[in-house]
Amino acid sequence: MSDLMPETIQDKTLTIREMCEAFGVTPRTLRFYEAKELLFPERIGQKRLFTRSDRARLKLILRGKRFGFSLEEIRQLLDLYHVGDQQQTQFARAYDVAKDRLSDMEAQRDELTEAIDDLKSQMKWGEKILASMSSPKKAAE
């Protein structure tokens, strides 16, 4: 969803279908986030209308998920928006969570790099074994 949308669209409520199209998610995803109390669309009968605030929250939820934050971490960060200190607490906590997550991701990357290197080494060994098995043997051997 573009941050450069005309103001009339930015302030407009969106239906579940419009939200799905704008963010590339399914209706089930939106209902799931609503059930987990991460989104709070206005309800008119069975119809859900998502506000600008809901769109901002969904954008943060999807970014948090992309970075590997748990839904509980995302909820806690979103809940800090209303602390009343110009989001200082929210930003500080988000920074701490992000720092921890980055450390975890770097450790995972290092483990994966090590596993890849080990697998490549084993495959080279396997190539040598296969080559020696397929080469013609001399009578003296």
C-alpha atoms as a PDB file:
ATOM      1  CA  MET A   1       0.000   0.000   0.000  1.00  0.00           C
ATOM      2  CA  SER A   2       1.431   3.305  -1.004  1.00  0.00           C
ATOM      3  CA  ASP A   3       2.169   5.943   1.598  1.00  0.00           C
ATOM      4  CA  LEU A   4       1.593   8.464  -1.162  1.00  0.00           C
ATOM      5  CA  MET A   5      -2.114   7.763  -1.544  1.00  0.00           C
ATOM      6  CA  PRO A   6      -4.382  10.771  -1.989  1.00  0.00           C
ATOM      7  CA  GLU A   7      -5.629  11.975   1.386  1.00  0.00           C
ATOM      8  CA  THR A   8      -9.223  11.128   0.514  1.00  0.00           C
ATOM      9  CA  ILE A   9      -8.249   7.479   0.070  1.00  0.00           C
ATOM     10  CA  GLN A  10      -5.956   7.484   3.117  1.00  0.00           C
ATOM     11  CA  ASP A  11      -8.797   8.625   5.360  1.00  0.00           C
ATOM     12  CA  LYS A  12     -11.404   6.354   3.768  1.00  0.00           C
ATOM     13  CA  THR A  13     -12.431   3.107   5.421  1.00  0.00           C
ATOM     14  CA  LEU A  14     -11.672  -0.002   3.397  1.00  0.00           C
ATOM     15  CA  THR A  15     -13.655  -3.184   3.078  1.00  0.00           C
ATOM     16  CA  ILE A  16     -12.035  -6.537   3.766  1.00  0.00           C
ATOM     17  CA  ARG A  17     -11.684  -7.079   0.008  1.00  0.00           C
ATOM     18  CA  GLU A  18      -9.950  -3.711  -0.451  1.00  0.00           C
ATOM     19  CA  MET A  19      -7.611  -4.466   2.451  1.00  0.00           C
ATOM     20  CA  CYS A  20      -6.740  -7.835   0.940  1.00  0.00           C
ATOM     21  CA  GLU A  21      -5.960  -6.236  -2.406  1.00  0.00           C
ATOM     22  CA  ALA A  22      -3.955  -3.392  -0.871  1.00  0.00           C
ATOM     23  CA  PHE A  23      -1.789  -5.616   1.353  1.00  0.00           C
ATOM     24  CA  GLY A  24      -1.720  -8.912  -0.508  1.00  0.00           C
ATOM     25  CA  VAL A  25      -3.318 -10.877   2.332  1.00  0.00           C
ATOM     26  CA  THR A  26      -6.337 -13.155   2.530  1.00  0.00           C
ATOM     27  CA  PRO A  27      -9.621 -12.441   4.303  1.00  0.00           C
ATOM     28  CA  ARG A  28      -8.743 -15.302   6.637  1.00  0.00           C
ATOM     29  CA  THR A  29      -5.524 -13.474   7.607  1.00  0.00           C
ATOM     30  CA  LEU A  30      -7.445 -10.311   8.438  1.00  0.00           C
ATOM     31  CA  ARG A  31     -10.031 -12.212  10.470  1.00  0.00           C
ATOM     32  CA  PHE A  32      -7.209 -14.037  12.282  1.00  0.00           C
ATOM     33  CA  TYR A  33      -5.515 -10.750  13.232  1.00  0.00           C
ATOM     34  CA  GLU A  34      -8.884  -9.388  14.349  1.00  0.00           C
ATOM     35  CA  ALA A  35      -9.482 -12.500  16.498  1.00  0.00           C
ATOM     36  CA  LYS A  36      -6.003 -12.054  18.019  1.00  0.00           C
ATOM     37  CA  GLU A  37      -6.967  -8.437  18.817  1.00  0.00           C
ATOM     38  CA  LEU A  38      -4.294  -6.955  16.599  1.00  0.00           C
ATOM     39  CA  LEU A  39      -6.810  -5.222  14.313  1.00  0.00           C
ATOM     40  CA  PHE A  40     -10.042  -3.521  15.314  1.00  0.00           C
ATOM     41  CA  PRO A  41     -12.182  -2.874  12.245  1.00  0.00           C
ATOM     42  CA  GLU A  42     -15.477  -1.090  12.615  1.00  0.00           C
ATOM     43  CA  ARG A  43     -18.356  -3.543  12.367  1.00  0.00           C
ATOM     44  CA  ILE A  44     -21.593  -2.734  10.594  1.00  0.00           C
ATOM     45  CA  GLY A  45     -23.594  -5.938  10.795  1.00  0.00           C
ATOM     46  CA  GLN A  46     -21.372  -8.570   9.198  1.00  0.00           C
ATOM     47  CA  LYS A  47     -19.374  -5.967   7.302  1.00  0.00           C
ATOM     48  CA  ARG A  48     -15.887  -4.990   8.488  1.00  0.00           C
ATOM     49  CA  LEU A  49     -14.544  -1.522   7.697  1.00  0.00           C
ATOM     50  CA  PHE A  50     -10.853  -0.896   8.224  1.00  0.00           C
ATOM     51  CA  THR A  51      -9.683   2.574   9.186  1.00  0.00           C
ATOM     52  CA  ARG A  52      -6.415   4.356   8.512  1.00  0.00           C
ATOM     53  CA  SER A  53      -5.282   3.161  11.934  1.00  0.00           C
ATOM     54  CA  ASP A  54      -6.062  -0.451  10.993  1.00  0.00           C
ATOM     55  CA  ARG A  55      -4.032  -0.039   7.814  1.00  0.00           C
ATOM     56  CA  ALA A  56      -1.069   1.329   9.771  1.00  0.00           C
ATOM     57  CA  ARG A  57      -1.336  -1.526  12.271  1.00  0.00           C
ATOM     58  CA  LEU A  58      -1.516  -4.137   9.503  1.00  0.00           C
ATOM     59  CA  LYS A  59       1.537  -2.646   7.836  1.00  0.00           C
ATOM     60  CA  LEU A  60       3.449  -2.975  11.132  1.00  0.00           C
ATOM     61  CA  ILE A  61       2.110  -6.498  11.741  1.00  0.00           C
ATOM     62  CA  LEU A  62       3.264  -7.663   8.316  1.00  0.00           C
ATOM     63  CA  ARG A  63       6.662  -6.024   8.755  1.00  0.00           C
ATOM     64  CA  GLY A  64       7.045  -7.609  12.195  1.00  0.00           C
ATOM     65  CA  LYS A  65       6.111 -11.032  10.813  1.00  0.00           C
ATOM     66  CA  ARG A  66       8.633 -10.600   8.003  1.00  0.00           C
ATOM     67  CA  PHE A  67      11.322  -9.955  10.589  1.00  0.00           C
ATOM     68  CA  GLY A  68      10.255 -13.017  12.569  1.00  0.00           C
ATOM     69  CA  PHE A  69       8.614 -11.270  15.518  1.00  0.00           C
ATOM     70  CA  SER A  70       6.019 -13.347  17.327  1.00  0.00           C
ATOM     71  CA  LEU A  71       2.411 -12.170  17.310  1.00  0.00           C
ATOM     72  CA  GLU A  72       2.706 -11.539  21.040  1.00  0.00           C
ATOM     73  CA  GLU A  73       5.753  -9.303  20.522  1.00  0.00           C
ATOM     74  CA  ILE A  74       3.883  -7.445  17.786  1.00  0.00           C
ATOM     75  CA  ARG A  75       0.826  -7.020  20.020  1.00  0.00           C
ATOM     76  CA  GLN A  76       2.934  -5.671  22.867  1.00  0.00           C
ATOM     77  CA  LEU A  77       4.635  -3.186  20.563  1.00  0.00           C
ATOM     78  CA  LEU A  78       1.344  -2.028  19.066  1.00  0.00           C
ATOM     79  CA  ASP A  79      -0.170  -1.632  22.528  1.00  0.00           C
ATOM     80  CA  LEU A  80       2.665   0.733  23.504  1.00  0.00           C
ATOM     81  CA  TYR A  81       1.426   3.272  20.934  1.00  0.00           C
ATOM     82  CA  HIS A  82      -1.030   4.674  23.467  1.00  0.00           C
ATOM     83  CA  VAL A  83       1.407   5.096  26.378  1.00  0.00           C
ATOM     84  CA  GLY A  84       1.325   8.868  25.872  1.00  0.00           C
ATOM     85  CA  ASP A  85       5.034   9.635  25.655  1.00  0.00           C
ATOM     86  CA  GLN A  86       5.093  10.475  21.929  1.00  0.00           C
ATOM     87  CA  GLN A  87       5.841   6.822  21.171  1.00  0.00           C
ATOM     88  CA  GLN A  88       9.231   6.938  22.929  1.00  0.00           C
ATOM     89  CA  THR A  89       8.453   3.757  24.894  1.00  0.00           C
ATOM     90  CA  GLN A  90       7.161   2.039  21.764  1.00  0.00           C
ATOM     91  CA  PHE A  91      10.245   2.956  19.733  1.00  0.00           C
ATOM     92  CA  ALA A  92      12.642   1.962  22.511  1.00  0.00           C
ATOM     93  CA  ARG A  93      10.956  -1.409  22.994  1.00  0.00           C
ATOM     94  CA  ALA A  94      10.764  -2.004  19.230  1.00  0.00           C
ATOM     95  CA  TYR A  95      14.484  -1.266  19.002  1.00  0.00           C
ATOM     96  CA  ASP A  96      15.279  -3.759  21.775  1.00  0.00           C
ATOM     97  CA  VAL A  97      13.121  -6.481  20.208  1.00  0.00           C
ATOM     98  CA  ALA A  98      14.662  -5.792  16.786  1.00  0.00           C
ATOM     99  CA  LYS A  99      18.180  -5.942  18.227  1.00  0.00           C
ATOM    100  CA  ASP A 100      17.454  -9.340  19.798  1.00  0.00           C
ATOM    101  CA  ARG A 101      15.837 -10.611  16.606  1.00  0.00           C
ATOM    102  CA  LEU A 102      18.786  -9.420  14.494  1.00  0.00           C
ATOM    103  CA  SER A 103      21.152 -11.288  16.790  1.00  0.00           C
ATOM    104  CA  ASP A 104      19.044 -14.459  16.403  1.00  0.00           C
ATOM    105  CA  MET A 105      18.916 -14.061  12.621  1.00  0.00           C
ATOM    106  CA  GLU A 106      22.671 -13.578  12.387  1.00  0.00           C
ATOM    107  CA  ALA A 107      23.250 -16.701  14.489  1.00  0.00           C
ATOM    108  CA  GLN A 108      20.873 -18.654  12.232  1.00  0.00           C
ATOM    109  CA  ARG A 109      22.692 -17.339   9.173  1.00  0.00           C
ATOM    110  CA  ASP A 110      26.052 -18.397  10.622  1.00  0.00           C
ATOM    111  CA  GLU A 111      24.725 -21.884  11.407  1.00  0.00           C
ATOM    112  CA  LEU A 112      23.273 -22.152   7.914  1.00  0.00           C
ATOM    113  CA  THR A 113      26.541 -21.008   6.315  1.00  0.00           C
ATOM    114  CA  GLU A 114      28.419 -23.631   8.328  1.00  0.00           C
ATOM    115  CA  ALA A 115      25.949 -26.349   7.296  1.00  0.00           C
ATOM    116  CA  ILE A 116      26.209 -25.301   3.639  1.00  0.00           C
ATOM    117  CA  ASP A 117      30.005 -25.402   3.760  1.00  0.00           C
ATOM    118  CA  ASP A 118      29.920 -28.832   5.414  1.00  0.00           C
ATOM    119  CA  LEU A 119      27.477 -30.160   2.807  1.00  0.00           C
ATOM    120  CA  LYS A 120      29.629 -28.825  -0.039  1.00  0.00           C
ATOM    121  CA  SER A 121      32.651 -30.542   1.496  1.00  0.00           C
ATOM    122  CA  GLN A 122      30.782 -33.833   1.783  1.00  0.00           C
ATOM    123  CA  MET A 123      29.597 -33.537  -1.807  1.00  0.00           C
ATOM    124  CA  LYS A 124      33.192 -32.988  -3.033  1.00  0.00           C
ATOM    125  CA  TRP A 125      34.236 -36.098  -1.126  1.00  0.00           C
ATOM    126  CA  GLY A 126      31.314 -37.956  -2.691  1.00  0.00           C
ATOM    127  CA  GLU A 127      32.333 -36.789  -6.174  1.00  0.00           C
ATOM    128  CA  LYS A 128      35.847 -38.181  -5.626  1.00  0.00           C
ATOM    129  CA  ILE A 129      34.471 -41.513  -4.423  1.00  0.00           C
ATOM    130  CA  LEU A 130      32.115 -41.759  -7.404  1.00  0.00           C
ATOM    131  CA  ALA A 131      34.894 -40.815  -9.819  1.00  0.00           C
ATOM    132  CA  SER A 132      37.225 -43.449  -8.355  1.00  0.00           C
ATOM    133  CA  MET A 133      34.483 -46.088  -8.572  1.00  0.00           C
ATOM    134  CA  SER A 134      33.716 -45.357 -12.194  1.00  0.00           C
ATOM    135  CA  SER A 135      37.320 -45.181 -13.416  1.00  0.00           C
ATOM    136  CA  PRO A 136      38.595 -48.391 -15.068  1.00  0.00           C
ATOM    137  CA  LYS A 137      40.622 -50.548 -12.728  1.00  0.00           C
ATOM    138  CA  LYS A 138      44.038 -51.824 -13.726  1.00  0.00           C
ATOM    139  CA  ALA A 139      44.553 -55.586 -13.682  1.00  0.00           C
ATOM    140  CA  ALA A 140      47.153 -55.290 -10.925  1.00  0.00           C
ATOM    141  CA  GLU A 141      44.730 -53.571  -8.618  1.00  0.00           C
END
